[in-house]
Structures are given as structure tokens and as C-alpha cells.
Amino acid sequence: MLHRIEFTQAAVRHFAKLDARQRARVRDAIVRQLVYEPGVETRRRKRLRPNTLATWRLRVGELRVYYDVTDDVPPVVVIKAIGIKERSRVVIGGEEIDLS
């Protein structure tokens, strides 16, 4: 089943802070990975431990897309945040985030 993709305002701001190449990579990965079966774990998609940010994470190289999946009709993938992984740190919108 096709899932509709929606961005929160925060995710739109995070997306805008990326350079053109990073934006293209994230956009392509979202279309390839999250339109069909976004709630299935793969090498790139992972269900996260309970946290305040999101339920799922999509890995796109050094970039991370954090999202939730709703059970609405039609189902919706809500992109909550987009960040950059730097070693053991995740930086989202210029701030380091602790997801543990």
C-alpha cells in the first residue's frame, strides 16, 4: 500500500539547511524507502527505542531521517527530523541530540 509523505515544519527547516547534494540524496531515499512498507526493518530502516523524537530512523550515508508511521487511511509517513551523524553524535538543526 502506498504511504503519503508529510514533513513537519521542523523537518522542512532541517532539510533546508542541507546542501543540494544532501537534499537530493535524502529526497531520493525517502521516495525509494518510505513510500512502500516504511514500518518494516531493513539494513537502512530501524525501529528506535522509545524516545521523544520519532519511532523510526532511515539511514542515508551520514544523514539520518527520523519518522513516524500512522495508521490513517491512506497511511502517512510523518518526517519529524533530518540530521547528520558525526561519529557517535547526531546533529539536528545545529544541535546535538541524544536519542538514548
N, C-alpha and C. Protein backbone atom coordinates (compact mmCIF):
# COMPACT_ATOMS: atom_id res chain seq x y z
N MET A 1 0.83 -1.17 0.00
CA MET A 1 0.00 0.00 0.00
C MET A 1 0.88 1.25 0.00
N LEU A 2 0.52 2.22 -0.78
CA LEU A 2 1.26 3.47 -0.85
C LEU A 2 1.07 4.29 0.41
N HIS A 3 2.15 4.89 0.90
CA HIS A 3 2.09 5.78 2.05
C HIS A 3 2.32 7.22 1.57
N ARG A 4 1.54 8.12 2.10
CA ARG A 4 1.73 9.54 1.80
C ARG A 4 2.86 10.06 2.70
N ILE A 5 3.69 10.95 2.18
CA ILE A 5 4.81 11.51 2.93
C ILE A 5 4.47 12.94 3.34
N GLU A 6 4.62 13.25 4.63
CA GLU A 6 4.42 14.60 5.13
C GLU A 6 5.64 15.00 5.97
N PHE A 7 5.99 16.28 5.91
CA PHE A 7 7.10 16.82 6.68
C PHE A 7 6.56 17.74 7.76
N THR A 8 7.11 17.66 8.97
CA THR A 8 6.79 18.66 9.99
C THR A 8 7.53 19.94 9.62
N GLN A 9 7.14 21.04 10.24
CA GLN A 9 7.82 22.32 9.96
C GLN A 9 9.30 22.24 10.36
N ALA A 10 9.58 21.55 11.45
CA ALA A 10 10.97 21.39 11.88
C ALA A 10 11.78 20.62 10.84
N ALA A 11 11.19 19.55 10.30
CA ALA A 11 11.89 18.76 9.29
C ALA A 11 12.13 19.57 8.02
N VAL A 12 11.20 20.45 7.66
CA VAL A 12 11.40 21.32 6.50
C VAL A 12 12.60 22.23 6.74
N ARG A 13 12.72 22.78 7.94
CA ARG A 13 13.88 23.63 8.27
C ARG A 13 15.18 22.82 8.24
N HIS A 14 15.16 21.60 8.78
CA HIS A 14 16.36 20.76 8.77
C HIS A 14 16.76 20.45 7.33
N PHE A 15 15.77 20.12 6.48
CA PHE A 15 16.01 19.81 5.07
C PHE A 15 16.63 21.01 4.36
N ALA A 16 16.16 22.20 4.66
CA ALA A 16 16.66 23.41 4.00
C ALA A 16 18.12 23.71 4.38
N LYS A 17 18.56 23.26 5.54
CA LYS A 17 19.94 23.51 5.98
C LYS A 17 20.95 22.59 5.29
N LEU A 18 20.48 21.54 4.64
CA LEU A 18 21.39 20.63 3.94
C LEU A 18 21.85 21.26 2.63
N ASP A 19 23.01 20.82 2.14
CA ASP A 19 23.44 21.32 0.83
C ASP A 19 22.67 20.58 -0.26
N ALA A 20 22.80 21.01 -1.49
CA ALA A 20 22.00 20.49 -2.60
C ALA A 20 22.19 18.98 -2.79
N ARG A 21 23.41 18.51 -2.69
CA ARG A 21 23.67 17.07 -2.86
C ARG A 21 23.01 16.26 -1.76
N GLN A 22 23.10 16.73 -0.51
CA GLN A 22 22.47 16.03 0.60
C GLN A 22 20.95 16.03 0.46
N ARG A 23 20.37 17.16 0.04
CA ARG A 23 18.92 17.21 -0.16
C ARG A 23 18.48 16.21 -1.21
N ALA A 24 19.23 16.10 -2.31
CA ALA A 24 18.88 15.16 -3.37
C ALA A 24 18.96 13.72 -2.85
N ARG A 25 19.99 13.39 -2.07
CA ARG A 25 20.13 12.04 -1.53
C ARG A 25 18.98 11.70 -0.59
N VAL A 26 18.63 12.65 0.28
CA VAL A 26 17.54 12.41 1.24
C VAL A 26 16.21 12.26 0.49
N ARG A 27 15.95 13.14 -0.46
CA ARG A 27 14.70 13.07 -1.23
C ARG A 27 14.57 11.73 -1.95
N ASP A 28 15.64 11.29 -2.61
CA ASP A 28 15.61 10.01 -3.32
C ASP A 28 15.41 8.84 -2.36
N ALA A 29 16.08 8.87 -1.21
CA ALA A 29 15.95 7.78 -0.24
C ALA A 29 14.54 7.72 0.34
N ILE A 30 13.94 8.87 0.60
CA ILE A 30 12.58 8.89 1.13
C ILE A 30 11.63 8.26 0.13
N VAL A 31 11.76 8.62 -1.14
CA VAL A 31 10.87 8.06 -2.16
C VAL A 31 11.10 6.55 -2.30
N ARG A 32 12.35 6.11 -2.33
CA ARG A 32 12.65 4.69 -2.50
C ARG A 32 12.30 3.86 -1.28
N GLN A 33 12.56 4.39 -0.09
CA GLN A 33 12.47 3.58 1.13
C GLN A 33 11.17 3.71 1.92
N LEU A 34 10.48 4.86 1.81
CA LEU A 34 9.38 5.10 2.74
C LEU A 34 7.99 5.10 2.10
N VAL A 35 7.89 5.04 0.80
CA VAL A 35 6.58 5.03 0.16
C VAL A 35 5.91 3.67 0.35
N TYR A 36 6.66 2.59 0.25
CA TYR A 36 6.14 1.24 0.45
C TYR A 36 6.77 0.63 1.70
N GLU A 37 5.97 0.10 2.57
CA GLU A 37 6.40 -0.62 3.77
C GLU A 37 7.44 0.12 4.63
N PRO A 38 7.14 1.35 5.05
CA PRO A 38 8.10 2.09 5.88
C PRO A 38 8.23 1.53 7.29
N GLY A 39 7.31 0.66 7.71
CA GLY A 39 7.35 0.09 9.04
C GLY A 39 7.98 -1.28 9.10
N VAL A 40 8.78 -1.62 8.08
CA VAL A 40 9.48 -2.90 8.04
C VAL A 40 10.97 -2.62 8.19
N GLU A 41 11.62 -3.30 9.15
CA GLU A 41 13.05 -3.08 9.35
C GLU A 41 13.85 -3.64 8.19
N THR A 42 14.85 -2.89 7.75
CA THR A 42 15.80 -3.31 6.72
C THR A 42 17.18 -2.88 7.18
N ARG A 43 18.16 -3.01 6.29
CA ARG A 43 19.51 -2.54 6.63
C ARG A 43 19.53 -1.03 6.85
N ARG A 44 18.66 -0.31 6.18
CA ARG A 44 18.64 1.15 6.29
C ARG A 44 17.57 1.69 7.23
N ARG A 45 16.52 0.94 7.47
CA ARG A 45 15.42 1.38 8.34
C ARG A 45 15.48 0.62 9.66
N LYS A 46 15.33 1.37 10.75
CA LYS A 46 15.42 0.73 12.06
C LYS A 46 14.37 1.32 13.00
N ARG A 47 13.72 0.45 13.74
CA ARG A 47 12.80 0.90 14.79
C ARG A 47 13.66 1.34 15.97
N LEU A 48 13.37 2.51 16.50
CA LEU A 48 14.16 3.06 17.60
C LEU A 48 13.57 2.69 18.95
N ARG A 49 14.42 2.71 19.96
CA ARG A 49 13.93 2.56 21.33
C ARG A 49 13.05 3.77 21.64
N PRO A 50 12.15 3.66 22.59
CA PRO A 50 11.28 4.80 22.91
C PRO A 50 12.09 6.07 23.19
N ASN A 51 11.71 7.15 22.52
CA ASN A 51 12.36 8.45 22.70
C ASN A 51 11.36 9.54 22.36
N THR A 52 11.76 10.78 22.53
CA THR A 52 10.84 11.90 22.30
C THR A 52 10.82 12.37 20.85
N LEU A 53 11.71 11.85 20.01
CA LEU A 53 11.81 12.35 18.64
C LEU A 53 10.95 11.58 17.65
N ALA A 54 11.19 10.30 17.48
CA ALA A 54 10.47 9.52 16.47
C ALA A 54 10.56 8.03 16.78
N THR A 55 9.77 7.26 16.04
CA THR A 55 9.73 5.81 16.24
C THR A 55 10.71 5.09 15.32
N TRP A 56 10.96 5.67 14.14
CA TRP A 56 11.79 5.02 13.12
C TRP A 56 12.92 5.93 12.67
N ARG A 57 14.00 5.29 12.15
CA ARG A 57 15.14 6.01 11.59
C ARG A 57 15.50 5.41 10.24
N LEU A 58 15.73 6.28 9.26
CA LEU A 58 16.23 5.87 7.95
C LEU A 58 17.65 6.39 7.82
N ARG A 59 18.59 5.49 7.50
CA ARG A 59 19.99 5.86 7.34
C ARG A 59 20.28 6.10 5.86
N VAL A 60 20.82 7.29 5.55
CA VAL A 60 21.19 7.66 4.19
C VAL A 60 22.64 8.15 4.25
N GLY A 61 23.60 7.20 4.22
CA GLY A 61 25.00 7.58 4.40
C GLY A 61 25.19 8.17 5.78
N GLU A 62 25.74 9.40 5.85
CA GLU A 62 25.94 10.07 7.14
C GLU A 62 24.68 10.81 7.60
N LEU A 63 23.65 10.83 6.78
CA LEU A 63 22.40 11.51 7.10
C LEU A 63 21.42 10.55 7.77
N ARG A 64 20.56 11.10 8.63
CA ARG A 64 19.53 10.31 9.29
C ARG A 64 18.19 11.02 9.14
N VAL A 65 17.17 10.25 8.79
CA VAL A 65 15.80 10.76 8.68
C VAL A 65 14.99 10.07 9.76
N TYR A 66 14.38 10.85 10.65
CA TYR A 66 13.59 10.31 11.75
C TYR A 66 12.12 10.51 11.42
N TYR A 67 11.33 9.43 11.56
CA TYR A 67 9.94 9.49 11.13
C TYR A 67 9.04 8.59 11.95
N ASP A 68 7.73 8.86 11.83
CA ASP A 68 6.68 8.03 12.41
C ASP A 68 5.77 7.56 11.29
N VAL A 69 5.10 6.44 11.51
CA VAL A 69 4.13 5.91 10.54
C VAL A 69 2.77 5.89 11.22
N THR A 70 1.76 6.48 10.56
CA THR A 70 0.41 6.48 11.13
C THR A 70 -0.43 5.38 10.48
N ASP A 71 -1.50 5.02 11.13
CA ASP A 71 -2.41 4.01 10.61
C ASP A 71 -3.63 4.63 9.93
N ASP A 72 -3.52 5.90 9.54
CA ASP A 72 -4.64 6.57 8.87
C ASP A 72 -4.94 5.90 7.54
N VAL A 73 -6.04 6.32 6.93
CA VAL A 73 -6.37 5.84 5.58
C VAL A 73 -6.38 7.06 4.68
N PRO A 74 -5.50 7.23 3.73
CA PRO A 74 -4.35 6.37 3.47
C PRO A 74 -3.28 6.56 4.54
N PRO A 75 -2.40 5.55 4.71
CA PRO A 75 -1.35 5.66 5.72
C PRO A 75 -0.38 6.80 5.40
N VAL A 76 0.16 7.39 6.46
CA VAL A 76 1.03 8.56 6.31
C VAL A 76 2.35 8.31 7.02
N VAL A 77 3.44 8.72 6.36
CA VAL A 77 4.76 8.75 6.98
C VAL A 77 5.02 10.21 7.33
N VAL A 78 5.24 10.50 8.61
CA VAL A 78 5.49 11.86 9.05
C VAL A 78 6.98 12.00 9.34
N ILE A 79 7.67 12.77 8.50
CA ILE A 79 9.10 13.03 8.69
C ILE A 79 9.22 14.07 9.81
N LYS A 80 9.88 13.69 10.91
CA LYS A 80 9.96 14.56 12.08
C LYS A 80 11.25 15.37 12.12
N ALA A 81 12.36 14.77 11.65
CA ALA A 81 13.66 15.45 11.73
C ALA A 81 14.62 14.83 10.73
N ILE A 82 15.59 15.64 10.32
CA ILE A 82 16.67 15.18 9.44
C ILE A 82 17.97 15.67 10.06
N GLY A 83 18.89 14.75 10.29
CA GLY A 83 20.13 15.11 10.95
C GLY A 83 21.35 14.51 10.28
N ILE A 84 22.50 14.88 10.81
CA ILE A 84 23.78 14.38 10.29
C ILE A 84 24.47 13.63 11.42
N LYS A 85 24.89 12.41 11.12
CA LYS A 85 25.60 11.59 12.11
C LYS A 85 27.09 11.89 11.98
N GLU A 86 27.70 12.28 13.07
CA GLU A 86 29.14 12.56 13.13
C GLU A 86 29.72 11.70 14.25
N ARG A 87 30.34 10.60 13.87
CA ARG A 87 30.83 9.60 14.82
C ARG A 87 29.69 9.11 15.69
N SER A 88 29.73 9.36 17.00
CA SER A 88 28.66 8.87 17.87
C SER A 88 27.62 9.94 18.16
N ARG A 89 27.72 11.10 17.49
CA ARG A 89 26.79 12.21 17.72
C ARG A 89 25.83 12.35 16.55
N VAL A 90 24.63 12.81 16.85
CA VAL A 90 23.67 13.16 15.81
C VAL A 90 23.36 14.64 15.98
N VAL A 91 23.56 15.41 14.91
CA VAL A 91 23.31 16.85 14.93
C VAL A 91 22.08 17.12 14.08
N ILE A 92 21.06 17.68 14.71
CA ILE A 92 19.82 18.01 14.02
C ILE A 92 19.57 19.50 14.20
N GLY A 93 19.49 20.22 13.09
CA GLY A 93 19.24 21.65 13.16
C GLY A 93 20.31 22.41 13.93
N GLY A 94 21.55 21.95 13.84
CA GLY A 94 22.65 22.63 14.52
C GLY A 94 22.82 22.25 15.98
N GLU A 95 21.96 21.39 16.51
CA GLU A 95 22.06 20.98 17.91
C GLU A 95 22.30 19.49 18.03
N GLU A 96 23.15 19.10 18.96
CA GLU A 96 23.40 17.69 19.20
C GLU A 96 22.20 17.08 19.94
N ILE A 97 21.72 15.94 19.47
CA ILE A 97 20.55 15.27 20.03
C ILE A 97 20.98 13.94 20.65
N ASP A 98 20.46 13.68 21.84
CA ASP A 98 20.73 12.39 22.50
C ASP A 98 19.47 11.55 22.40
N LEU A 99 19.55 10.44 21.64
CA LEU A 99 18.39 9.58 21.44
C LEU A 99 18.38 8.37 22.37
N SER A 100 19.32 8.30 23.29
CA SER A 100 19.35 7.13 24.18
C SER A 100 18.48 7.30 25.39
